[in-house]
Protein backbone atom coordinates (compact mmCIF):
# COMPACT_ATOMS: atom_id res chain seq x y z
CA MET A 1 14.30 1.47 8.69
CA ARG A 2 12.25 3.68 10.88
CA THR A 3 11.13 5.66 7.86
CA ARG A 4 9.27 3.43 5.49
CA THR A 5 6.43 3.40 3.04
CA VAL A 6 3.71 1.01 2.76
CA HIS A 7 4.77 0.46 -0.79
CA ARG A 8 8.14 -0.75 0.46
CA ALA A 9 6.63 -3.03 2.97
CA ILE A 10 4.34 -4.59 0.45
CA LEU A 11 6.56 -4.93 -2.61
CA ARG A 12 9.82 -5.51 -1.04
CA LEU A 13 11.64 -8.38 -2.55
CA ARG A 14 14.20 -10.27 2.14
CA PRO A 15 25.79 -18.83 5.92
CA ARG A 16 28.69 -19.99 6.70
CA LEU A 17 31.59 -22.08 4.90
CA GLY A 18 32.98 -24.89 6.76
CA VAL A 19 36.60 -24.19 8.06
CA LEU A 20 39.33 -25.74 6.16
CA VAL A 21 41.71 -27.55 8.40
CA VAL A 22 45.30 -28.07 7.13
CA PHE A 23 47.09 -30.73 8.87
CA LEU A 24 50.88 -30.40 9.43
CA LEU A 25 52.43 -33.62 8.59
CA ALA A 26 55.97 -34.80 9.55
CA VAL A 27 58.51 -34.40 6.78
CA THR A 28 58.71 -37.98 5.47
CA ALA A 29 58.22 -39.56 2.27
CA ALA A 30 54.75 -40.79 3.47
CA GLY A 31 54.06 -37.39 4.99
CA ALA A 32 54.95 -35.51 1.88
CA ALA A 33 52.75 -37.75 -0.25
CA ALA A 34 49.90 -37.26 2.20
CA ARG A 35 50.45 -33.59 2.21
CA THR A 36 50.36 -33.49 -1.51
CA ASP A 37 46.95 -35.43 -1.58
CA SER A 38 45.56 -32.82 0.94
CA VAL A 39 46.48 -29.89 -1.31
CA ARG A 40 44.94 -31.59 -4.33
CA THR A 41 41.74 -32.23 -2.35
CA THR A 42 41.57 -28.50 -1.36
CA ARG A 43 42.22 -27.32 -4.89
CA ALA A 44 39.51 -29.78 -6.19
CA LYS A 45 37.01 -27.94 -4.01
CA GLU A 46 37.69 -24.58 -5.54
CA ILE A 47 35.00 -23.19 -7.80
CA SER A 48 36.75 -21.44 -10.84
CA GLN A 49 33.58 -19.64 -11.92
CA LEU A 50 30.28 -19.10 -10.20
CA THR A 51 27.53 -17.53 -12.29
CA TRP A 52 24.33 -16.33 -10.51
CA ALA A 53 21.04 -14.90 -11.73
CA VAL A 54 19.82 -11.87 -9.94
CA PRO A 55 16.02 -11.15 -10.16
CA ALA A 56 16.35 -7.44 -10.84
CA THR A 57 18.76 -4.78 -12.07
CA ILE A 58 20.75 -2.49 -9.61
CA ARG A 59 21.41 1.19 -9.76
CA GLY A 60 25.01 1.04 -8.47
CA LEU A 61 27.51 -0.38 -6.06
CA ASP A 62 27.18 2.35 -3.36
CA TYR A 63 24.41 1.45 -0.99
CA THR A 64 23.91 4.97 0.18
CA HIS A 65 22.57 5.79 -3.23
CA SER A 66 21.18 2.28 -4.07
CA ALA A 67 19.40 1.26 -1.06
CA ASP A 68 17.22 -1.59 -1.89
CA ALA A 69 17.24 -5.43 -1.08
CA VAL A 70 18.59 -6.61 -4.46
CA SER A 71 21.39 -3.99 -4.46
CA ALA A 72 22.38 -5.21 -0.86
CA SER A 73 22.41 -8.99 -2.15
CA VAL A 74 25.18 -7.70 -4.57
CA ILE A 75 27.05 -5.09 -2.60
CA SER A 76 27.33 -7.38 0.40
CA LEU A 77 29.67 -9.67 -1.46
CA GLY A 78 32.30 -6.95 -1.60
CA MET A 79 31.48 -4.37 1.23
CA GLU A 80 31.24 -5.17 4.87
CA THR A 81 29.40 -3.86 7.99
CA LEU A 82 30.55 -3.57 11.61
CA VAL A 83 28.07 -6.33 12.51
CA GLN A 84 26.27 -8.92 10.54
CA TYR A 85 23.31 -11.16 10.65
CA ASP A 86 23.64 -14.78 10.96
CA GLU A 87 21.14 -17.15 9.29
CA LEU A 88 18.86 -16.83 12.14
CA GLY A 89 18.90 -13.01 12.14
CA ARG A 90 21.14 -12.69 15.34
CA LEU A 91 23.78 -9.90 15.32
CA LYS A 92 27.40 -11.07 15.33
CA PRO A 93 30.74 -9.33 15.06
CA ASN A 94 32.20 -8.61 11.64
CA LEU A 95 34.41 -5.62 11.00
CA ALA A 96 33.69 -4.92 14.66
CA SER A 97 35.50 -7.60 16.67
CA SER A 98 33.07 -6.90 19.57
CA PHE A 99 30.18 -4.43 20.24
CA SER A 100 28.07 -3.39 23.35
CA THR A 101 25.40 -1.25 24.45
CA PRO A 102 26.34 0.23 27.81
CA ASN A 103 22.97 2.12 28.05
CA ALA A 104 19.98 2.88 25.90
CA THR A 105 21.54 5.58 23.95
CA THR A 106 25.09 4.49 23.52
CA TYR A 107 26.54 1.88 21.00
CA VAL A 108 30.25 0.99 21.15
CA TYR A 109 32.11 -0.79 18.42
CA ASN A 110 35.60 -2.23 18.68
CA ILE A 111 37.21 -2.29 15.25
CA ARG A 112 38.99 -5.44 14.18
CA LYS A 113 42.73 -5.36 13.77
CA GLY A 114 44.59 -6.28 10.73
CA VAL A 115 41.63 -5.76 8.20
CA THR A 116 42.85 -4.26 4.84
CA PHE A 117 40.89 -2.76 1.87
CA TRP A 118 41.37 -4.21 -1.52
CA ASP A 119 44.22 -1.68 -2.25
CA GLY A 120 46.22 -2.86 0.86
CA ARG A 121 45.35 0.06 3.06
CA LEU A 122 44.52 -0.85 6.72
CA LEU A 123 41.06 -0.26 8.03
CA THR A 124 41.01 2.49 10.56
CA THR A 125 38.50 4.18 12.85
CA GLY A 126 38.77 7.18 10.53
CA ASP A 127 37.27 5.01 7.68
CA VAL A 128 34.41 3.74 9.95
CA VAL A 129 33.49 7.25 11.23
CA TYR A 130 33.65 8.69 7.72
CA SER A 131 31.51 5.78 6.26
CA LEU A 132 28.86 6.09 9.05
CA GLU A 133 28.73 9.91 8.71
CA GLN A 134 28.19 9.71 4.98
CA SER A 135 25.46 7.12 5.27
CA ALA A 136 23.84 9.57 7.93
CA SER A 137 24.04 12.57 5.74
CA LYS A 138 20.96 13.85 3.99
CA ALA A 139 23.13 16.54 2.47
CA ALA A 140 25.18 13.85 0.76
CA GLY A 141 21.98 12.29 -0.60
CA SER A 142 22.15 9.19 1.52
CA GLN A 143 19.17 6.93 1.04
CA ILE A 144 19.61 5.41 4.42
CA ALA A 145 20.08 8.74 6.39
CA SER A 146 16.73 8.14 8.04
CA PHE A 147 18.38 5.12 9.88
CA PHE A 148 20.50 7.70 11.68
CA SER A 149 17.81 10.11 12.57
CA ASP A 150 18.19 9.63 16.31
CA VAL A 151 21.99 9.92 16.16
CA THR A 152 23.65 12.89 17.86
CA SER A 153 27.35 11.99 17.59
CA ILE A 154 29.71 9.32 15.73
CA LYS A 155 33.20 9.62 17.24
CA ALA A 156 36.51 7.61 17.52
CA THR A 157 36.56 7.08 21.20
CA GLY A 158 39.90 5.00 21.21
CA LEU A 159 42.57 3.92 18.96
CA ARG A 160 40.20 1.01 17.63
CA MET A 161 36.89 2.09 19.12
CA VAL A 162 33.90 3.99 17.64
CA THR A 163 31.05 5.17 19.78
CA ILE A 164 27.73 6.27 18.49
CA THR A 165 25.38 8.23 20.71
CA LEU A 166 21.59 8.70 20.26
CA LYS A 167 19.33 11.56 21.32
CA SER A 168 16.77 9.06 22.69
CA PRO A 169 16.37 5.27 23.02
CA ASN A 170 15.73 3.38 19.95
CA PRO A 171 16.06 -0.42 20.21
CA PHE A 172 15.95 -0.88 16.44
CA PHE A 173 18.96 1.34 15.83
CA ARG A 174 21.45 -1.61 16.28
CA TYR A 175 20.04 -3.21 13.18
CA SER A 176 20.77 -0.24 11.07
CA ILE A 177 24.54 -0.79 11.52
CA ALA A 178 24.05 -4.34 9.95
CA VAL A 179 23.14 -2.69 6.77
CA THR A 180 25.54 0.15 6.85
CA TYR A 181 28.60 -0.62 4.77
CA ILE A 182 32.15 0.57 5.58
CA GLY A 183 34.22 2.10 2.68
CA GLU A 184 37.67 3.44 2.38
CA LYS A 185 37.58 7.18 3.44
CA ARG A 186 40.42 8.19 0.92
CA TYR A 187 38.72 6.43 -1.98
CA TRP A 188 35.11 7.52 -1.09
CA SER A 189 36.08 11.12 -0.53
CA GLN A 190 37.61 11.36 -4.03
CA HIS A 191 34.55 9.90 -5.65
CA LEU A 192 31.67 11.64 -3.87
CA LYS A 193 29.72 12.05 -7.08
CA ASP A 194 30.47 8.86 -8.84
CA LEU A 195 31.06 6.18 -6.21
CA GLY A 196 29.52 2.94 -7.31
CA THR A 197 29.33 3.64 -10.96
CA PRO A 198 30.88 1.44 -13.68
CA GLY A 199 33.84 3.59 -13.99
CA VAL A 200 34.62 3.76 -10.33
CA LEU A 201 32.94 0.77 -8.55
CA ASN A 202 33.89 0.88 -4.99
CA MET A 203 36.62 0.08 -2.29
CA GLY A 204 35.81 -2.44 0.32
CA THR A 205 37.18 -4.99 2.67
CA GLY A 206 34.97 -8.11 1.51
CA PRO A 207 35.72 -11.62 0.45
CA PHE A 208 35.14 -10.48 -3.19
CA ARG A 209 36.46 -7.57 -5.12
CA PHE A 210 34.23 -5.78 -7.77
CA THR A 211 36.03 -5.85 -11.22
CA LYS A 212 33.25 -4.76 -13.59
CA PHE A 213 29.65 -3.34 -13.58
CA VAL A 214 27.58 -3.22 -16.72
CA PRO A 215 24.21 -1.47 -15.94
CA ASP A 216 21.18 -3.63 -16.64
CA GLU A 217 23.46 -6.59 -17.41
CA SER A 218 25.94 -7.81 -14.90
CA VAL A 219 28.49 -7.38 -12.14
CA SER A 220 31.81 -9.28 -12.14
CA MET A 221 33.95 -10.02 -9.12
CA VAL A 222 37.18 -11.84 -8.16
CA ARG A 223 38.01 -13.46 -4.84
CA ASN A 224 39.97 -11.38 -2.41
CA ASP A 225 42.75 -13.74 -1.40
CA LYS A 226 43.95 -11.31 1.23
CA TYR A 227 40.57 -11.36 3.01
CA TRP A 228 40.84 -11.27 6.79
CA GLY A 229 38.25 -13.93 7.27
CA ARG A 230 37.28 -17.18 5.90
CA LYS A 231 38.23 -17.53 2.13
CA ALA A 232 35.59 -18.27 -0.37
CA ALA A 233 35.69 -21.43 -2.68
CA ALA A 234 34.58 -19.39 -5.78
CA LYS A 235 37.48 -17.64 -7.57
CA LYS A 236 35.31 -15.58 -9.95
CA ILE A 237 31.70 -14.70 -9.70
CA THR A 238 29.39 -13.14 -12.44
CA LEU A 239 26.02 -11.88 -11.36
CA LYS A 240 23.70 -11.68 -14.21
CA PHE A 241 20.39 -9.56 -14.14
CA ILE A 242 17.54 -11.73 -15.40
CA VAL A 243 14.31 -10.07 -14.41
CA ASP A 244 11.80 -12.23 -16.15
CA PRO A 245 11.03 -15.37 -14.05
CA SER A 246 10.57 -17.72 -16.95
CA THR A 247 13.87 -16.78 -18.50
CA ARG A 248 15.57 -17.08 -15.16
CA GLN A 249 14.24 -20.59 -14.91
CA LEU A 250 15.31 -21.57 -18.38
CA ALA A 251 18.73 -20.26 -17.62
CA ILE A 252 18.86 -22.52 -14.50
CA ARG A 253 17.43 -25.55 -16.50
CA SER A 254 20.19 -25.18 -19.09
CA HIS A 255 22.83 -24.62 -16.37
CA GLN A 256 23.84 -21.25 -18.03
CA VAL A 257 23.69 -19.95 -14.37
CA ASP A 258 24.39 -21.87 -11.27
CA GLY A 259 21.65 -20.50 -9.11
CA THR A 260 19.26 -17.86 -8.06
CA PHE A 261 17.36 -16.52 -5.15
CA GLN A 262 13.78 -15.29 -5.17
CA VAL A 263 12.23 -18.31 -6.93
CA PRO A 264 8.62 -17.44 -7.26
CA GLN A 265 6.28 -19.62 -5.23
CA GLU A 266 4.34 -20.79 -8.15
CA GLN A 267 7.52 -22.08 -9.71
CA ILE A 268 9.02 -23.78 -6.79
CA ASP A 269 7.66 -27.15 -7.67
CA GLN A 270 8.75 -26.73 -11.26
CA TYR A 271 12.26 -25.97 -10.10
CA LYS A 272 12.22 -29.16 -7.80
CA ARG A 273 11.63 -31.31 -10.92
CA LEU A 274 14.59 -29.88 -12.86
CA SER A 275 17.54 -32.20 -13.40
CA GLY A 276 20.79 -31.30 -11.57
CA VAL A 277 19.12 -28.60 -9.51
CA SER A 278 18.45 -28.55 -5.75
CA VAL A 279 15.92 -26.18 -4.05
CA GLU A 280 16.35 -24.78 -0.63
CA ILE A 281 13.30 -23.21 1.50
CA ALA A 282 13.54 -20.84 4.27
CA PRO A 283 11.13 -18.54 6.06
CA GLU A 284 10.69 -15.17 4.11
CA LEU A 285 9.55 -13.43 7.16
CA ARG A 286 6.54 -12.01 5.02
CA THR A 287 3.12 -11.81 6.67
CA ALA A 288 -0.15 -11.46 4.89
CA TYR A 289 -2.97 -9.99 6.95
CA PHE A 290 -6.43 -8.46 6.92
CA SER A 291 -6.71 -4.94 8.38
CA LEU A 292 -10.06 -3.99 9.84
CA ASP A 293 -10.93 -0.29 10.35
CA VAL A 294 -12.06 -0.50 14.00
CA ALA A 295 -13.17 3.18 13.82
CA SER A 296 -16.15 2.48 11.61
CA ALA A 297 -18.95 -0.01 11.43
CA PRO A 298 -19.25 -2.97 11.17
CA TRP A 299 -15.53 -3.46 12.10
CA ASN A 300 -15.90 -1.35 15.32
CA ASP A 301 -17.62 -4.40 16.79
CA VAL A 302 -15.04 -6.96 18.29
CA HIS A 303 -17.40 -9.78 17.87
CA VAL A 304 -17.58 -9.07 14.09
CA ARG A 305 -13.82 -9.01 13.90
CA ARG A 306 -13.52 -12.35 15.82
CA ALA A 307 -16.23 -13.96 13.57
CA VAL A 308 -14.30 -13.08 10.64
CA ALA A 309 -11.06 -14.43 12.13
CA TYR A 310 -12.95 -17.81 12.75
CA ALA A 311 -14.15 -17.81 9.22
CA LEU A 312 -10.70 -17.73 7.68
CA ASP A 313 -9.25 -21.11 6.80
CA LYS A 314 -5.57 -20.19 7.22
CA ALA A 315 -4.26 -23.87 6.97
CA GLY A 316 -6.35 -24.38 3.78
CA LEU A 317 -5.05 -21.19 2.13
CA VAL A 318 -1.34 -22.23 2.97
CA LYS A 319 -2.05 -25.47 1.20
CA ALA A 320 -4.04 -24.14 -1.77
CA VAL A 321 -2.46 -20.75 -2.36
CA LEU A 322 1.07 -20.99 -1.17
CA ARG A 323 1.23 -24.66 -2.42
CA GLY A 324 2.27 -25.59 1.20
CA TYR A 325 5.32 -23.12 1.22
CA GLY A 326 4.27 -21.25 4.39
CA GLN A 327 2.41 -21.63 7.72
CA PRO A 328 -0.72 -20.24 9.28
CA ALA A 329 -0.06 -17.01 11.29
CA PRO A 330 -1.36 -16.59 14.77
CA THR A 331 0.07 -13.07 15.16
CA MET A 332 1.96 -10.56 13.03
CA PRO A 333 5.65 -11.30 13.51
CA PRO A 334 6.95 -14.63 12.31
CA PRO A 335 8.45 -16.62 15.17
CA GLN A 336 11.86 -16.54 13.27
CA GLN A 337 11.74 -12.76 13.56
CA TRP A 338 12.61 -12.68 17.26
CA GLY A 339 16.30 -13.08 16.25
CA ASP A 340 18.46 -12.80 19.44
CA LEU A 341 15.69 -11.37 21.59
CA MET A 342 14.25 -14.64 22.82
CA PRO A 343 14.88 -18.44 22.03
CA GLN A 344 12.54 -20.16 19.57
CA SER A 345 11.42 -22.61 22.14
CA LYS A 346 10.15 -19.70 24.32
CA VAL A 347 8.57 -18.01 21.28
CA LYS A 348 6.64 -21.20 20.47
CA LYS A 349 5.23 -21.28 23.99
CA LEU A 350 4.35 -17.57 23.84
CA TYR A 351 2.38 -17.91 20.61
CA ALA A 352 0.48 -20.93 21.85
CA SER A 353 -0.68 -18.76 24.80
CA PHE A 354 -2.47 -16.27 22.37
CA PRO A 355 -6.15 -16.46 21.63
CA GLN A 356 -6.39 -19.04 18.86
CA TYR A 357 -8.86 -18.53 15.89
CA SER A 358 -8.70 -21.96 14.23
CA PHE A 359 -11.23 -22.38 11.31
CA SER A 360 -14.66 -22.92 12.46
CA VAL A 361 -17.84 -21.77 10.78
CA ALA A 362 -19.76 -22.87 14.04
CA LYS A 363 -17.64 -20.47 16.27
CA ALA A 364 -17.85 -17.79 13.67
CA LYS A 365 -21.65 -17.87 13.84
CA ALA A 366 -21.42 -17.78 17.61
CA GLU A 367 -19.38 -14.73 17.55
CA LEU A 368 -21.51 -12.90 14.94
CA ALA A 369 -24.51 -13.78 17.07
CA LYS A 370 -23.06 -11.69 19.94
CA SER A 371 -22.50 -8.69 17.54
CA ALA A 372 -24.76 -5.89 16.54
CA TYR A 373 -25.00 -7.62 13.12
CA PRO A 374 -26.21 -11.14 13.77
CA SER A 375 -27.88 -11.42 10.36
CA GLY A 376 -24.69 -10.31 8.63
CA PHE A 377 -23.78 -7.23 6.50
CA THR A 378 -22.08 -6.28 3.21
CA ALA A 379 -18.54 -4.99 2.78
CA THR A 380 -15.79 -4.67 0.12
CA VAL A 381 -12.03 -5.64 0.23
CA PRO A 382 -9.78 -4.43 -2.59
CA PHE A 383 -6.38 -6.09 -3.35
CA PRO A 384 -3.42 -4.90 -5.56
CA ASP A 385 -2.97 -6.67 -8.95
CA SER A 386 0.76 -7.26 -8.16
CA ARG A 387 -0.26 -9.55 -5.31
CA GLN A 388 -2.62 -12.12 -6.62
CA GLU A 389 -2.22 -14.46 -3.74
CA LEU A 390 -3.86 -11.68 -1.58
CA GLY A 391 -6.84 -11.78 -3.85
CA LYS A 392 -7.23 -15.63 -3.66
CA ALA A 393 -7.05 -15.36 0.17
CA ALA A 394 -9.91 -12.69 0.07
CA LEU A 395 -11.97 -14.79 -2.30
CA SER A 396 -11.54 -17.87 -0.09
CA LEU A 397 -12.70 -15.75 2.97
CA ALA A 398 -15.72 -14.34 1.00
CA GLN A 399 -16.94 -17.93 0.33
CA ASN A 400 -16.69 -18.88 3.92
CA LEU A 401 -18.47 -15.54 5.14
CA LYS A 402 -21.53 -16.40 2.89
CA GLN A 403 -22.46 -19.03 5.46
CA LEU A 404 -22.76 -16.28 8.09
CA GLY A 405 -24.95 -14.02 5.84
CA ILE A 406 -21.96 -11.64 5.19
CA THR A 407 -21.38 -10.51 1.55
CA LEU A 408 -17.91 -9.62 0.95
CA THR A 409 -16.97 -8.24 -2.38
CA VAL A 410 -13.43 -8.84 -3.53
CA LYS A 411 -12.19 -5.99 -5.88
CA GLN A 412 -8.81 -6.05 -7.76
CA GLU A 413 -7.15 -2.55 -8.29
CA THR A 414 -3.96 -1.50 -9.87
CA THR A 415 -1.11 -1.36 -7.36
CA ASP A 416 -0.81 2.18 -7.65
CA ASP A 417 -4.40 3.02 -7.00
CA TRP A 418 -4.56 0.60 -4.25
CA PHE A 419 -1.51 1.93 -2.65
CA ASN A 420 -2.60 5.50 -3.02
CA THR A 421 -5.76 4.78 -1.18
CA LEU A 422 -4.14 2.81 1.60
CA TYR A 423 -1.46 5.40 2.23
CA SER A 424 -3.82 8.42 1.90
CA HIS A 425 -5.92 6.74 4.68
CA PRO A 426 -9.45 8.00 3.89
CA SER A 427 -12.13 7.54 6.57
CA PRO A 428 -13.54 4.93 6.61
CA LEU A 429 -10.77 2.87 5.19
CA GLY A 430 -12.78 -0.42 5.78
CA MET A 431 -11.36 -3.76 5.21
CA GLN A 432 -7.85 -4.24 3.43
CA VAL A 433 -5.70 -7.25 2.73
CA ILE A 434 -1.91 -6.56 2.95
CA SER A 435 1.46 -8.21 2.71
CA TRP A 436 4.11 -7.01 4.97
CA GLY A 437 7.87 -7.84 4.64
CA VAL A 438 10.09 -7.33 7.63
CA ASP A 439 13.02 -4.88 7.83
CA TYR A 440 15.01 -6.35 10.69
CA PRO A 441 14.81 -9.41 12.82
CA ASP A 442 12.94 -7.82 15.78
CA PRO A 443 9.12 -8.75 16.54
CA ALA A 444 8.55 -5.10 17.27
CA ASP A 445 9.05 -4.09 13.67
CA ALA A 446 5.42 -4.17 12.60
CA LEU A 447 4.20 -3.81 16.10
CA ALA A 448 5.64 -0.31 16.54
CA LEU A 449 4.26 0.82 13.34
CA ILE A 450 0.76 -0.72 12.84
CA TYR A 451 -0.60 -0.63 16.40
CA PRO A 452 0.30 2.81 17.96
CA SER A 453 -2.62 5.30 18.30
CA GLN A 454 -0.32 8.08 16.79
CA PHE A 455 -0.18 6.08 13.49
CA ALA A 456 -3.84 5.96 13.00
CA THR A 457 -3.52 8.86 10.48
CA ALA A 458 -2.79 9.47 6.78
CA ASN A 459 0.65 8.61 5.67
CA SER A 460 1.04 6.10 8.49
CA PHE A 461 0.77 2.39 8.99
CA ASN A 462 -2.02 1.93 11.46
CA THR A 463 -4.52 1.09 8.84
CA ALA A 464 -7.05 -0.32 11.28
CA ASN A 465 -7.17 3.08 13.05
CA TYR A 466 -6.65 0.95 16.29
CA LYS A 467 -6.24 3.11 19.56
CA ASN A 468 -5.67 1.33 22.91
CA SER A 469 -3.72 3.21 25.68
CA THR A 470 -2.57 -0.22 27.12
CA MET A 471 -1.07 -1.18 23.81
CA ASP A 472 0.60 2.36 23.57
CA ALA A 473 2.19 1.79 27.06
CA LEU A 474 3.55 -1.58 26.15
CA ILE A 475 5.05 -0.48 22.81
CA ASN A 476 6.61 2.64 24.83
CA ARG A 477 8.04 0.34 27.32
CA GLN A 478 9.77 -1.95 24.84
CA ASN A 479 10.85 1.01 22.71
CA ASN A 480 12.61 2.77 25.65
CA SER A 481 14.68 -0.24 26.77
CA VAL A 482 17.58 -2.29 25.37
CA ASN A 483 17.08 -5.06 28.03
CA PRO A 484 15.99 -8.20 26.13
CA ARG A 485 13.80 -9.42 28.91
CA VAL A 486 12.08 -6.19 29.45
CA ARG A 487 11.46 -5.86 25.69
CA ALA A 488 10.40 -9.48 25.18
CA ASP A 489 7.93 -9.25 28.01
CA ALA A 490 6.41 -6.10 26.73
CA ILE A 491 6.29 -7.28 23.07
CA GLY A 492 4.64 -10.59 24.15
CA LYS A 493 1.90 -8.76 26.23
CA ALA A 494 1.38 -6.43 23.26
CA LEU A 495 0.99 -9.06 20.84
CA LYS A 496 -1.47 -11.00 23.01
CA LEU A 497 -3.68 -7.88 23.38
CA GLY A 498 -3.57 -7.47 19.54
CA ALA A 499 -4.66 -11.13 19.22
CA THR A 500 -7.58 -10.34 21.75
CA ASP A 501 -8.82 -7.10 20.12
CA VAL A 502 -8.36 -8.31 16.56
CA PRO A 503 -7.81 -5.03 14.68
CA TYR A 504 -5.62 -7.22 12.26
CA ILE A 505 -6.07 -10.81 11.21
CA PRO A 506 -2.87 -12.44 10.30
CA VAL A 507 -3.17 -15.04 7.54
CA TRP A 508 0.05 -16.66 6.88
CA TYR A 509 3.82 -16.53 6.92
CA GLN A 510 5.33 -17.05 3.56
CA GLN A 511 8.52 -19.04 2.62
CA ILE A 512 11.17 -18.22 0.02
CA ALA A 513 13.15 -20.54 -2.07
CA MET A 514 16.65 -20.58 -3.79
CA ALA A 515 17.81 -22.88 -6.67
CA LEU A 516 21.35 -24.15 -6.94
CA ASN A 517 23.25 -26.38 -9.21
CA SER A 518 23.40 -29.80 -7.48
CA LYS A 519 27.16 -29.86 -7.80
CA TYR A 520 27.35 -27.09 -5.29
CA GLN A 521 25.99 -26.64 -1.84
CA TYR A 522 24.88 -23.59 0.46
CA LYS A 523 23.84 -25.07 3.84
CA ASN A 524 22.88 -21.90 5.79
CA PHE A 525 20.36 -20.27 3.37
CA GLY A 526 18.00 -17.97 5.25
CA THR A 527 16.12 -14.70 5.02
CA TRP A 528 19.10 -12.54 5.90
CA TYR A 529 21.27 -13.79 3.06
CA LEU A 530 20.69 -10.25 1.50
CA TYR A 531 23.00 -8.65 4.01
CA SER A 532 25.81 -11.21 4.05
CA PRO A 533 28.56 -12.40 1.65
CA TRP A 534 26.43 -15.36 0.68
CA ALA A 535 28.58 -16.47 -2.19
CA ARG A 536 31.48 -17.14 0.27
CA ASP A 537 29.31 -19.92 1.73
CA ILE A 538 28.72 -21.70 -1.70
CA THR A 539 31.09 -24.79 -1.77
CA ALA A 540 31.53 -27.73 -4.16
CA ARG A 541 30.01 -30.98 -2.95
């Protein structure tokens, strides 16, 4: 998570069942009849076969060699992690019955008792340590090894305890454990070169067991009836890889598949009109924003930056471009990205305290009049052809800027060309429009990458070339602490400073949608479904 490319940030794709209560009835004729009715009711709620459309193909069922969001949404149904995100992005116990952080460099996980793998073997600390070590191993070719770059040791420190020690504080490390899957040491060590392939699959502890993997076609699973946790309603699952959005919609319309995630925003209203299909909406935790190179003219003038911020009609763009499936963004991290760091009520108050740049041509003109360019100037903003919504936002801004005497040329580029320019970080970089997808539920995610002075260089994320010693100090303060209050205070001050200096202009927070056959329900749909056994939480109505 700490080692990411802008390409991943831009192009990245981002529950719970009710508990069945069985009432024990007295052994009478009436009680026996009632018990029979109860059993029938329970059986009626089982789903014999659930078929799901996955929006992309996956490379395998071993996350250390298939570390992408779509693969995670498949692997998470069978493989489990020590801790897990809930629908709000808060960490909760999973294979670890409890966990703690005694200090800023020590993470302790108490392994749950009585958990078995699909082959019946008990989960031990040996399995946990081995899985974490393989995930951290660059030599083993792990694609998530960078998550463990700060780790100095992974040890079993008790019969059911595993302790991870870091060389320096890293408040983001705890989220890495939520996407590091635990496998059986015996099985994994025997299949180091072919784990996750069609002939080997994997060996996990999750609510579903992999039974078949056909590359570029599908993955099949059956329910694990010996699962340690809540049992799933679905007895069998087939995940079909349907990449084309129109084909996927047709499959939903004809009920060849029961549901899908990643409904394209331009198709949400179409899905809502389908018979027998329900649509759920949730925050995607993706922020669109303009980046202004403060190291070069005219963007080195704060009044120019504020004038542009006032000229951006965020609410209008959400309505026109996102079709209402989003909200205007006052700062980079969406409010829901605060996870367990601060309650949403406090986040709302914090965001309201930031400088507000509500759409106003009059205020934009007033700010520009204070700048070194009161009569306006000319500039260019490129956007990638894979993100047409960014181009639309830039065109809308260009129209509004004309009233200020500013000529903004909007230029479409191939995604590769656009990305190469952005990542090589030429000087001056000028104005850019970017879409950022979060990696974990922490408001310092983007903050720690796009604001620090040290990242105002090639192959880094500070595309605004923004340098502020106060900002650096605030980011370091939160980075060196695991105390929620200390971190929340530093992050809040840093975000307010960013809103004052305006090196970046947040535009909107996007929403995501899922479609589901109306005979089923999934009540806790949210951004973090990717890393949870989401199919366990689909029930019959």
